[in-house]
Structure formats: C-alpha cells, structure tokens
Amino acid sequence: MNPRLEKLRQEREKLAEKLASLTARLKALDEQILKLENTDIVGIVRENGLTIEQLAALMAMLEKRPTAALPDEYRKTEEFMDEE
C-alpha cells in the first residue's frame, strides 16, 4: 500500500476525532449560554413583576406589532421606581 495514502488516512482520522471533540465542546458551550440567557430573562421578568400571562401577552403583542408603544401596564412609573 502507498505509504502516503496511509499517512493521509491517519491524519484524516485525527482530524475527525478533533472535530468530534470540538463539536461536543461547542454543544456544551451553547447549552451553558442558553442556560445563562434564560436565567437573565427570568430575572428581568421577575424584576419587573410580570406574571407568566402578562409576559405571554406582551410577547404576542410584540410579535404582531414590534414597533408598538408599550402599554402602561408594563411600564414602571417614577413613583413605583422611587419605592425600590
């Protein structure tokens, strides 16, 4: 067998293993990022005192009209912000 062919096959195998390792690491990083993003989102929702129903309604409204003004029920007033 051609020694060059064997060398190329070995190099290919090494690269395939490295690719599998990098793909697994990428997947793990994506999962960590998603988890942290979700934690941030939950924090923002709780910080603003939204219920699940209000959040769902807000998201539906923004999906239909992304440039619509935010309804007053979702805004913090200055009076409310002073209490914090």
Protein backbone atom coordinates (compact mmCIF):
# COMPACT_ATOMS: atom_id res chain seq x y z
CA MET A 1 0.00 0.00 0.00
CA ASN A 2 1.12 3.51 -0.71
CA PRO A 3 2.70 4.98 2.50
CA ARG A 4 1.42 8.42 1.61
CA LEU A 5 -2.14 7.11 1.44
CA GLU A 6 -1.82 5.60 4.92
CA LYS A 7 -0.40 8.85 6.29
CA LEU A 8 -3.33 10.82 4.85
CA ARG A 9 -5.82 8.35 6.34
CA GLN A 10 -4.18 8.70 9.77
CA GLU A 11 -4.27 12.48 9.52
CA ARG A 12 -7.92 12.31 8.50
CA GLU A 13 -8.74 10.12 11.49
CA LYS A 14 -7.02 12.54 13.86
CA LEU A 15 -8.92 15.45 12.37
CA ALA A 16 -12.20 13.55 12.62
CA GLU A 17 -11.56 12.90 16.32
CA LYS A 18 -10.65 16.54 16.89
CA LEU A 19 -13.77 17.66 15.04
CA ALA A 20 -15.94 15.40 17.20
CA SER A 21 -14.30 16.80 20.32
CA LEU A 22 -14.76 20.40 19.18
CA THR A 23 -18.37 19.74 18.19
CA ALA A 24 -19.09 18.33 21.64
CA ARG A 25 -17.44 21.35 23.29
CA LEU A 26 -19.42 23.72 21.07
CA LYS A 27 -22.66 21.99 22.06
CA ALA A 28 -21.75 22.23 25.76
CA LEU A 29 -20.95 25.94 25.41
CA ASP A 30 -24.22 26.57 23.58
CA GLU A 31 -26.11 24.86 26.41
CA GLN A 32 -24.31 26.97 29.04
CA ILE A 33 -25.03 30.16 27.11
CA LEU A 34 -28.72 29.25 26.77
CA LYS A 35 -28.96 28.48 30.48
CA LEU A 36 -27.42 31.83 31.45
CA GLU A 37 -29.60 33.72 28.96
CA ASN A 38 -32.69 32.02 30.37
CA THR A 39 -31.64 32.94 33.90
CA ASP A 40 -31.20 36.56 32.83
CA ILE A 41 -34.62 36.59 31.16
CA VAL A 42 -36.31 35.13 34.24
CA GLY A 43 -34.54 37.74 36.37
CA ILE A 44 -35.73 40.59 34.16
CA VAL A 45 -39.31 39.29 34.19
CA ARG A 46 -39.31 38.93 37.97
CA GLU A 47 -37.61 42.29 38.46
CA ASN A 48 -40.43 43.90 36.52
CA GLY A 49 -43.11 41.98 38.39
CA LEU A 50 -44.63 40.37 35.31
CA THR A 51 -46.78 37.29 35.56
CA ILE A 52 -46.44 34.49 33.05
CA GLU A 53 -49.70 35.59 31.49
CA GLN A 54 -48.51 39.20 31.16
CA LEU A 55 -45.24 38.07 29.62
CA ALA A 56 -47.06 35.87 27.12
CA ALA A 57 -49.42 38.72 26.22
CA LEU A 58 -46.51 41.13 25.85
CA MET A 59 -44.59 38.73 23.62
CA ALA A 60 -47.68 38.11 21.47
CA MET A 61 -48.25 41.86 21.15
CA LEU A 62 -44.63 42.47 20.17
CA GLU A 63 -44.76 39.66 17.64
CA LYS A 64 -47.75 41.27 15.93
CA ARG A 65 -46.53 44.87 16.21
CA PRO A 66 -42.81 45.06 17.08
CA THR A 67 -42.74 48.87 16.94
CA ALA A 68 -45.87 49.38 19.02
CA ALA A 69 -45.71 51.57 22.11
CA LEU A 70 -45.51 49.68 25.37
CA PRO A 71 -48.86 49.67 27.21
CA ASP A 72 -48.88 51.48 30.55
CA GLU A 73 -49.44 48.26 32.47
CA TYR A 74 -45.90 47.18 31.52
CA ARG A 75 -44.21 50.44 32.45
CA LYS A 76 -42.77 51.32 35.81
CA THR A 77 -43.88 54.71 36.97
CA GLU A 78 -41.47 57.14 38.61
CA GLU A 79 -43.45 56.77 41.82
CA PHE A 80 -43.05 52.99 41.71
CA MET A 81 -39.35 53.25 40.89
CA ASP A 82 -38.77 55.58 43.87
CA GLU A 83 -40.16 52.89 46.17
CA GLU A 84 -37.43 50.43 45.19
